[in-house]
Amino acid sequence: MKELVKSFEDLPQIAKIILAIPCLDIIWAIVRIIKGVAYKNAVTLVAGILWIFPGCFICWIADIVCAVLDRDFLFMEPASNPQ
């Protein structure tokens, strides 16, 4: 599962932006859930679960801003620094 998370984090910036548009942002919610389970991080897991429902309506804006600025997504610590 860690390889899957790493592959999503290594996507080009344009792919991250495309996956952050409304209705496709659910992919980043699923990545948060997988990352929370893989790295045993409760905050990331809960954020991923909660991101599914409001993510399609509101939270996608935060993901697009993070993708455009080429920063880590909210509630997703870098894979190289798991807690």
PDB file of N, CA and C in Angstrom:
ATOM      1  N   MET A   1       0.812  -1.184   0.000  1.00  0.00           N
ATOM      2  CA  MET A   1       0.000   0.000   0.000  1.00  0.00           C
ATOM      3  C   MET A   1       0.858   1.251   0.000  1.00  0.00           C
ATOM      4  N   LYS A   2       2.028   1.159   0.621  1.00  0.00           N
ATOM      5  CA  LYS A   2       2.902   2.325   0.654  1.00  0.00           C
ATOM      6  C   LYS A   2       3.388   2.701  -0.740  1.00  0.00           C
ATOM      7  N   GLU A   3       3.569   1.686  -1.609  1.00  0.00           N
ATOM      8  CA  GLU A   3       4.007   1.968  -2.985  1.00  0.00           C
ATOM      9  C   GLU A   3       2.915   2.702  -3.758  1.00  0.00           C
ATOM     10  N   LEU A   4       1.660   2.348  -3.498  1.00  0.00           N
ATOM     11  CA  LEU A   4       0.540   3.017  -4.151  1.00  0.00           C
ATOM     12  C   LEU A   4       0.469   4.482  -3.739  1.00  0.00           C
ATOM     13  N   VAL A   5       0.623   4.735  -2.452  1.00  0.00           N
ATOM     14  CA  VAL A   5       0.617   6.113  -1.960  1.00  0.00           C
ATOM     15  C   VAL A   5       1.770   6.898  -2.564  1.00  0.00           C
ATOM     16  N   LYS A   6       2.944   6.286  -2.596  1.00  0.00           N
ATOM     17  CA  LYS A   6       4.127   6.955  -3.154  1.00  0.00           C
ATOM     18  C   LYS A   6       3.934   7.263  -4.640  1.00  0.00           C
ATOM     19  N   SER A   7       3.294   6.352  -5.375  1.00  0.00           N
ATOM     20  CA  SER A   7       3.082   6.593  -6.802  1.00  0.00           C
ATOM     21  C   SER A   7       2.111   7.756  -7.024  1.00  0.00           C
ATOM     22  N   PHE A   8       1.105   7.893  -6.177  1.00  0.00           N
ATOM     23  CA  PHE A   8       0.196   9.039  -6.300  1.00  0.00           C
ATOM     24  C   PHE A   8       0.902  10.337  -5.939  1.00  0.00           C
ATOM     25  N   GLU A   9       1.779  10.304  -4.944  1.00  0.00           N
ATOM     26  CA  GLU A   9       2.503  11.511  -4.561  1.00  0.00           C
ATOM     27  C   GLU A   9       3.528  11.916  -5.614  1.00  0.00           C
ATOM     28  N   ASP A  10       3.996  10.963  -6.409  1.00  0.00           N
ATOM     29  CA  ASP A  10       4.995  11.258  -7.441  1.00  0.00           C
ATOM     30  C   ASP A  10       4.381  11.641  -8.783  1.00  0.00           C
ATOM     31  N   LEU A  11       3.063  11.759  -8.848  1.00  0.00           N
ATOM     32  CA  LEU A  11       2.417  12.164 -10.098  1.00  0.00           C
ATOM     33  C   LEU A  11       2.861  13.570 -10.509  1.00  0.00           C
ATOM     34  N   PRO A  12       2.849  13.858 -11.801  1.00  0.00           N
ATOM     35  CA  PRO A  12       3.172  15.227 -12.233  1.00  0.00           C
ATOM     36  C   PRO A  12       2.120  16.209 -11.704  1.00  0.00           C
ATOM     37  N   GLN A  13       2.497  17.462 -11.614  1.00  0.00           N
ATOM     38  CA  GLN A  13       1.622  18.480 -11.053  1.00  0.00           C
ATOM     39  C   GLN A  13       0.294  18.574 -11.804  1.00  0.00           C
ATOM     40  N   ILE A  14       0.313  18.484 -13.123  1.00  0.00           N
ATOM     41  CA  ILE A  14      -0.916  18.602 -13.905  1.00  0.00           C
ATOM     42  C   ILE A  14      -1.870  17.444 -13.604  1.00  0.00           C
ATOM     43  N   ALA A  15      -1.333  16.263 -13.380  1.00  0.00           N
ATOM     44  CA  ALA A  15      -2.182  15.116 -13.042  1.00  0.00           C
ATOM     45  C   ALA A  15      -2.814  15.304 -11.667  1.00  0.00           C
ATOM     46  N   LYS A  16      -2.066  15.867 -10.729  1.00  0.00           N
ATOM     47  CA  LYS A  16      -2.616  16.136  -9.403  1.00  0.00           C
ATOM     48  C   LYS A  16      -3.750  17.160  -9.482  1.00  0.00           C
ATOM     49  N   ILE A  17      -3.578  18.166 -10.328  1.00  0.00           N
ATOM     50  CA  ILE A  17      -4.620  19.187 -10.490  1.00  0.00           C
ATOM     51  C   ILE A  17      -5.869  18.567 -11.106  1.00  0.00           C
ATOM     52  N   ILE A  18      -5.695  17.733 -12.120  1.00  0.00           N
ATOM     53  CA  ILE A  18      -6.841  17.096 -12.763  1.00  0.00           C
ATOM     54  C   ILE A  18      -7.582  16.196 -11.784  1.00  0.00           C
ATOM     55  N   LEU A  19      -6.856  15.455 -10.963  1.00  0.00           N
ATOM     56  CA  LEU A  19      -7.499  14.567  -9.995  1.00  0.00           C
ATOM     57  C   LEU A  19      -8.127  15.330  -8.835  1.00  0.00           C
ATOM     58  N   ALA A  20      -7.864  16.635  -8.722  1.00  0.00           N
ATOM     59  CA  ALA A  20      -8.431  17.432  -7.638  1.00  0.00           C
ATOM     60  C   ALA A  20      -9.702  18.169  -8.041  1.00  0.00           C
ATOM     61  N   ILE A  21     -10.119  18.059  -9.300  1.00  0.00           N
ATOM     62  CA  ILE A  21     -11.340  18.743  -9.701  1.00  0.00           C
ATOM     63  C   ILE A  21     -12.547  18.070  -9.056  1.00  0.00           C
ATOM     64  N   PRO A  22     -13.675  18.777  -8.966  1.00  0.00           N
ATOM     65  CA  PRO A  22     -14.849  18.189  -8.301  1.00  0.00           C
ATOM     66  C   PRO A  22     -15.205  16.823  -8.878  1.00  0.00           C
ATOM     67  N   CYS A  23     -15.692  15.982  -8.053  1.00  0.00           N
ATOM     68  CA  CYS A  23     -16.109  14.598  -8.340  1.00  0.00           C
ATOM     69  C   CYS A  23     -14.923  13.654  -8.539  1.00  0.00           C
ATOM     70  N   LEU A  24     -13.791  14.129  -9.009  1.00  0.00           N
ATOM     71  CA  LEU A  24     -12.600  13.284  -9.079  1.00  0.00           C
ATOM     72  C   LEU A  24     -11.781  13.393  -7.795  1.00  0.00           C
ATOM     73  N   ASP A  25     -12.103  14.381  -6.973  1.00  0.00           N
ATOM     74  CA  ASP A  25     -11.370  14.583  -5.726  1.00  0.00           C
ATOM     75  C   ASP A  25     -11.552  13.413  -4.763  1.00  0.00           C
ATOM     76  N   ILE A  26     -12.528  12.575  -5.012  1.00  0.00           N
ATOM     77  CA  ILE A  26     -12.743  11.396  -4.180  1.00  0.00           C
ATOM     78  C   ILE A  26     -11.516  10.470  -4.246  1.00  0.00           C
ATOM     79  N   ILE A  27     -10.760  10.559  -5.327  1.00  0.00           N
ATOM     80  CA  ILE A  27      -9.530   9.764  -5.451  1.00  0.00           C
ATOM     81  C   ILE A  27      -8.540  10.161  -4.367  1.00  0.00           C
ATOM     82  N   TRP A  28      -8.400  11.472  -4.127  1.00  0.00           N
ATOM     83  CA  TRP A  28      -7.482  11.920  -3.073  1.00  0.00           C
ATOM     84  C   TRP A  28      -8.003  11.536  -1.691  1.00  0.00           C
ATOM     85  N   ALA A  29      -9.311  11.464  -1.523  1.00  0.00           N
ATOM     86  CA  ALA A  29      -9.866  10.997  -0.257  1.00  0.00           C
ATOM     87  C   ALA A  29      -9.488   9.537  -0.025  1.00  0.00           C
ATOM     88  N   ILE A  30      -9.570   8.733  -1.073  1.00  0.00           N
ATOM     89  CA  ILE A  30      -9.200   7.316  -0.969  1.00  0.00           C
ATOM     90  C   ILE A  30      -7.703   7.173  -0.694  1.00  0.00           C
ATOM     91  N   VAL A  31      -6.894   8.025  -1.325  1.00  0.00           N
ATOM     92  CA  VAL A  31      -5.446   7.994  -1.067  1.00  0.00           C
ATOM     93  C   VAL A  31      -5.175   8.355   0.389  1.00  0.00           C
ATOM     94  N   ARG A  32      -5.921   9.316   0.931  1.00  0.00           N
ATOM     95  CA  ARG A  32      -5.762   9.660   2.351  1.00  0.00           C
ATOM     96  C   ARG A  32      -6.105   8.474   3.242  1.00  0.00           C
ATOM     97  N   ILE A  33      -7.181   7.772   2.921  1.00  0.00           N
ATOM     98  CA  ILE A  33      -7.574   6.603   3.717  1.00  0.00           C
ATOM     99  C   ILE A  33      -6.497   5.532   3.654  1.00  0.00           C
ATOM    100  N   ILE A  34      -6.013   5.235   2.461  1.00  0.00           N
ATOM    101  CA  ILE A  34      -4.966   4.217   2.302  1.00  0.00           C
ATOM    102  C   ILE A  34      -3.703   4.623   3.043  1.00  0.00           C
ATOM    103  N   LYS A  35      -3.340   5.907   2.945  1.00  0.00           N
ATOM    104  CA  LYS A  35      -2.133   6.384   3.621  1.00  0.00           C
ATOM    105  C   LYS A  35      -2.301   6.322   5.139  1.00  0.00           C
ATOM    106  N   GLY A  36      -3.494   6.651   5.620  1.00  0.00           N
ATOM    107  CA  GLY A  36      -3.750   6.562   7.057  1.00  0.00           C
ATOM    108  C   GLY A  36      -3.616   5.149   7.582  1.00  0.00           C
ATOM    109  N   VAL A  37      -4.081   4.173   6.802  1.00  0.00           N
ATOM    110  CA  VAL A  37      -3.970   2.773   7.209  1.00  0.00           C
ATOM    111  C   VAL A  37      -2.521   2.297   7.081  1.00  0.00           C
ATOM    112  N   ALA A  38      -1.868   2.628   5.976  1.00  0.00           N
ATOM    113  CA  ALA A  38      -0.514   2.135   5.724  1.00  0.00           C
ATOM    114  C   ALA A  38       0.495   2.669   6.736  1.00  0.00           C
ATOM    115  N   TYR A  39       0.345   3.939   7.100  1.00  0.00           N
ATOM    116  CA  TYR A  39       1.306   4.542   8.028  1.00  0.00           C
ATOM    117  C   TYR A  39       0.767   4.635   9.450  1.00  0.00           C
ATOM    118  N   LYS A  40      -0.399   4.035   9.696  1.00  0.00           N
ATOM    119  CA  LYS A  40      -1.013   4.012  11.031  1.00  0.00           C
ATOM    120  C   LYS A  40      -1.154   5.426  11.587  1.00  0.00           C
ATOM    121  N   ASN A  41      -1.715   6.327  10.749  1.00  0.00           N
ATOM    122  CA  ASN A  41      -1.908   7.716  11.130  1.00  0.00           C
ATOM    123  C   ASN A  41      -3.414   7.975  11.218  1.00  0.00           C
ATOM    124  N   ALA A  42      -3.902   8.134  12.441  1.00  0.00           N
ATOM    125  CA  ALA A  42      -5.343   8.286  12.663  1.00  0.00           C
ATOM    126  C   ALA A  42      -5.889   9.582  12.076  1.00  0.00           C
ATOM    127  N   VAL A  43      -5.114  10.657  12.131  1.00  0.00           N
ATOM    128  CA  VAL A  43      -5.586  11.940  11.604  1.00  0.00           C
ATOM    129  C   VAL A  43      -5.805  11.852  10.093  1.00  0.00           C
ATOM    130  N   THR A  44      -4.861  11.262   9.385  1.00  0.00           N
ATOM    131  CA  THR A  44      -4.994  11.113   7.937  1.00  0.00           C
ATOM    132  C   THR A  44      -6.150  10.188   7.593  1.00  0.00           C
ATOM    133  N   LEU A  45      -6.336   9.133   8.349  1.00  0.00           N
ATOM    134  CA  LEU A  45      -7.433   8.197   8.111  1.00  0.00           C
ATOM    135  C   LEU A  45      -8.787   8.871   8.305  1.00  0.00           C
ATOM    136  N   VAL A  46      -8.957   9.572   9.414  1.00  0.00           N
ATOM    137  CA  VAL A  46     -10.222  10.261   9.681  1.00  0.00           C
ATOM    138  C   VAL A  46     -10.459  11.363   8.655  1.00  0.00           C
ATOM    139  N   ALA A  47      -9.415  12.108   8.303  1.00  0.00           N
ATOM    140  CA  ALA A  47      -9.550  13.157   7.283  1.00  0.00           C
ATOM    141  C   ALA A  47      -9.974  12.557   5.948  1.00  0.00           C
ATOM    142  N   GLY A  48      -9.431  11.410   5.594  1.00  0.00           N
ATOM    143  CA  GLY A  48      -9.808  10.756   4.348  1.00  0.00           C
ATOM    144  C   GLY A  48     -11.256  10.316   4.336  1.00  0.00           C
ATOM    145  N   ILE A  49     -11.715   9.776   5.455  1.00  0.00           N
ATOM    146  CA  ILE A  49     -13.111   9.347   5.542  1.00  0.00           C
ATOM    147  C   ILE A  49     -14.044  10.551   5.462  1.00  0.00           C
ATOM    148  N   LEU A  50     -13.697  11.608   6.185  1.00  0.00           N
ATOM    149  CA  LEU A  50     -14.539  12.807   6.164  1.00  0.00           C
ATOM    150  C   LEU A  50     -14.431  13.562   4.841  1.00  0.00           C
ATOM    151  N   TRP A  51     -13.324  13.394   4.129  1.00  0.00           N
ATOM    152  CA  TRP A  51     -13.095  14.104   2.873  1.00  0.00           C
ATOM    153  C   TRP A  51     -13.994  13.563   1.755  1.00  0.00           C
ATOM    154  N   ILE A  52     -14.492  12.354   1.890  1.00  0.00           N
ATOM    155  CA  ILE A  52     -15.304  11.754   0.830  1.00  0.00           C
ATOM    156  C   ILE A  52     -16.573  12.563   0.583  1.00  0.00           C
ATOM    157  N   PHE A  53     -17.297  12.887   1.635  1.00  0.00           N
ATOM    158  CA  PHE A  53     -18.584  13.557   1.451  1.00  0.00           C
ATOM    159  C   PHE A  53     -18.450  15.047   1.164  1.00  0.00           C
ATOM    160  N   PRO A  54     -17.804  15.834   2.028  1.00  0.00           N
ATOM    161  CA  PRO A  54     -17.687  17.261   1.694  1.00  0.00           C
ATOM    162  C   PRO A  54     -16.657  17.516   0.601  1.00  0.00           C
ATOM    163  N   GLY A  55     -15.800  16.554   0.341  1.00  0.00           N
ATOM    164  CA  GLY A  55     -14.753  16.746  -0.666  1.00  0.00           C
ATOM    165  C   GLY A  55     -15.295  17.007  -2.049  1.00  0.00           C
ATOM    166  N   CYS A  56     -16.409  16.390  -2.367  1.00  0.00           N
ATOM    167  CA  CYS A  56     -17.008  16.596  -3.690  1.00  0.00           C
ATOM    168  C   CYS A  56     -17.640  17.976  -3.814  1.00  0.00           C
ATOM    169  N   PHE A  57     -17.917  18.629  -2.696  1.00  0.00           N
ATOM    170  CA  PHE A  57     -18.622  19.897  -2.738  1.00  0.00           C
ATOM    171  C   PHE A  57     -17.755  21.092  -2.347  1.00  0.00           C
ATOM    172  N   ILE A  58     -16.893  20.935  -1.353  1.00  0.00           N
ATOM    173  CA  ILE A  58     -16.142  22.076  -0.836  1.00  0.00           C
ATOM    174  C   ILE A  58     -14.631  21.839  -0.827  1.00  0.00           C
ATOM    175  N   CYS A  59     -14.205  20.711  -0.317  1.00  0.00           N
ATOM    176  CA  CYS A  59     -12.788  20.472  -0.027  1.00  0.00           C
ATOM    177  C   CYS A  59     -11.920  20.363  -1.276  1.00  0.00           C
ATOM    178  N   TRP A  60     -12.512  20.156  -2.435  1.00  0.00           N
ATOM    179  CA  TRP A  60     -11.720  20.069  -3.664  1.00  0.00           C
ATOM    180  C   TRP A  60     -10.972  21.358  -3.926  1.00  0.00           C
ATOM    181  N   ILE A  61     -11.495  22.473  -3.439  1.00  0.00           N
ATOM    182  CA  ILE A  61     -10.832  23.768  -3.633  1.00  0.00           C
ATOM    183  C   ILE A  61      -9.473  23.762  -2.930  1.00  0.00           C
ATOM    184  N   ALA A  62      -9.436  23.243  -1.718  1.00  0.00           N
ATOM    185  CA  ALA A  62      -8.169  23.170  -0.972  1.00  0.00           C
ATOM    186  C   ALA A  62      -7.178  22.261  -1.688  1.00  0.00           C
ATOM    187  N   ASP A  63      -7.655  21.154  -2.260  1.00  0.00           N
ATOM    188  CA  ASP A  63      -6.762  20.252  -2.981  1.00  0.00           C
ATOM    189  C   ASP A  63      -6.209  20.905  -4.250  1.00  0.00           C
ATOM    190  N   ILE A  64      -7.041  21.653  -4.960  1.00  0.00           N
ATOM    191  CA  ILE A  64      -6.548  22.328  -6.172  1.00  0.00           C
ATOM    192  C   ILE A  64      -5.516  23.383  -5.813  1.00  0.00           C
ATOM    193  N   VAL A  65      -5.769  24.153  -4.750  1.00  0.00           N
ATOM    194  CA  VAL A  65      -4.805  25.171  -4.331  1.00  0.00           C
ATOM    195  C   VAL A  65      -3.476  24.520  -3.959  1.00  0.00           C
ATOM    196  N   CYS A  66      -3.529  23.426  -3.214  1.00  0.00           N
ATOM    197  CA  CYS A  66      -2.294  22.726  -2.832  1.00  0.00           C
ATOM    198  C   CYS A  66      -1.579  22.169  -4.060  1.00  0.00           C
ATOM    199  N   ALA A  67      -2.334  21.651  -5.029  1.00  0.00           N
ATOM    200  CA  ALA A  67      -1.726  21.084  -6.234  1.00  0.00           C
ATOM    201  C   ALA A  67      -1.099  22.176  -7.100  1.00  0.00           C
ATOM    202  N   VAL A  68      -1.789  23.307  -7.231  1.00  0.00           N
ATOM    203  CA  VAL A  68      -1.255  24.410  -8.045  1.00  0.00           C
ATOM    204  C   VAL A  68       0.018  24.979  -7.410  1.00  0.00           C
ATOM    205  N   LEU A  69       0.019  25.091  -6.093  1.00  0.00           N
ATOM    206  CA  LEU A  69       1.191  25.613  -5.390  1.00  0.00           C
ATOM    207  C   LEU A  69       2.283  24.560  -5.208  1.00  0.00           C
ATOM    208  N   ASP A  70       2.019  23.335  -5.676  1.00  0.00           N
ATOM    209  CA  ASP A  70       2.956  22.213  -5.582  1.00  0.00           C
ATOM    210  C   ASP A  70       3.373  21.944  -4.131  1.00  0.00           C
ATOM    211  N   ARG A  71       2.377  21.913  -3.254  1.00  0.00           N
ATOM    212  CA  ARG A  71       2.586  21.628  -1.841  1.00  0.00           C
ATOM    213  C   ARG A  71       1.912  20.309  -1.488  1.00  0.00           C
ATOM    214  N   ASP A  72       2.174  19.798  -0.303  1.00  0.00           N
ATOM    215  CA  ASP A  72       1.512  18.584   0.171  1.00  0.00           C
ATOM    216  C   ASP A  72       0.040  18.881   0.404  1.00  0.00           C
ATOM    217  N   PHE A  73      -0.808  17.897   0.131  1.00  0.00           N
ATOM    218  CA  PHE A  73      -2.235  18.066   0.363  1.00  0.00           C
ATOM    219  C   PHE A  73      -2.503  18.140   1.859  1.00  0.00           C
ATOM    220  N   LEU A  74      -3.603  18.787   2.219  1.00  0.00           N
ATOM    221  CA  LEU A  74      -3.969  18.920   3.630  1.00  0.00           C
ATOM    222  C   LEU A  74      -4.158  17.546   4.262  1.00  0.00           C
ATOM    223  N   PHE A  75      -3.695  17.419   5.468  1.00  0.00           N
ATOM    224  CA  PHE A  75      -3.818  16.194   6.271  1.00  0.00           C
ATOM    225  C   PHE A  75      -3.118  14.996   5.643  1.00  0.00           C
ATOM    226  N   MET A  76      -2.131  15.245   4.807  1.00  0.00           N
ATOM    227  CA  MET A  76      -1.329  14.163   4.237  1.00  0.00           C
ATOM    228  C   MET A  76       0.145  14.504   4.442  1.00  0.00           C
ATOM    229  N   GLU A  77       0.751  13.893   5.439  1.00  0.00           N
ATOM    230  CA  GLU A  77       2.171  14.095   5.660  1.00  0.00           C
ATOM    231  C   GLU A  77       2.934  13.433   4.532  1.00  0.00           C
ATOM    232  N   PRO A  78       4.120  13.941   4.205  1.00  0.00           N
ATOM    233  CA  PRO A  78       4.914  13.291   3.154  1.00  0.00           C
ATOM    234  C   PRO A  78       5.228  11.835   3.495  1.00  0.00           C
ATOM    235  N   ALA A  79       5.267  10.994   2.492  1.00  0.00           N
ATOM    236  CA  ALA A  79       5.527   9.567   2.704  1.00  0.00           C
ATOM    237  C   ALA A  79       6.933   9.328   3.235  1.00  0.00           C
ATOM    238  N   SER A  80       7.848  10.232   2.954  1.00  0.00           N
ATOM    239  CA  SER A  80       9.211  10.053   3.428  1.00  0.00           C
ATOM    240  C   SER A  80       9.334  10.355   4.911  1.00  0.00           C
ATOM    241  N   ASN A  81       8.309  10.997   5.507  1.00  0.00           N
ATOM    242  CA  ASN A  81       8.338  11.348   6.910  1.00  0.00           C
ATOM    243  C   ASN A  81       7.064  10.873   7.618  1.00  0.00           C
ATOM    244  N   PRO A  82       6.828   9.555   7.650  1.00  0.00           N
ATOM    245  CA  PRO A  82       5.605   9.063   8.301  1.00  0.00           C
ATOM    246  C   PRO A  82       5.696   9.170   9.815  1.00  0.00           C
ATOM    247  N   GLN A  83       4.533   9.266  10.452  1.00  0.00           N
ATOM    248  CA  GLN A  83       4.514   9.343  11.912  1.00  0.00           C
ATOM    249  C   GLN A  83       3.858   8.133  12.493  1.00  0.00           C
TER     250      GLN A  83
END
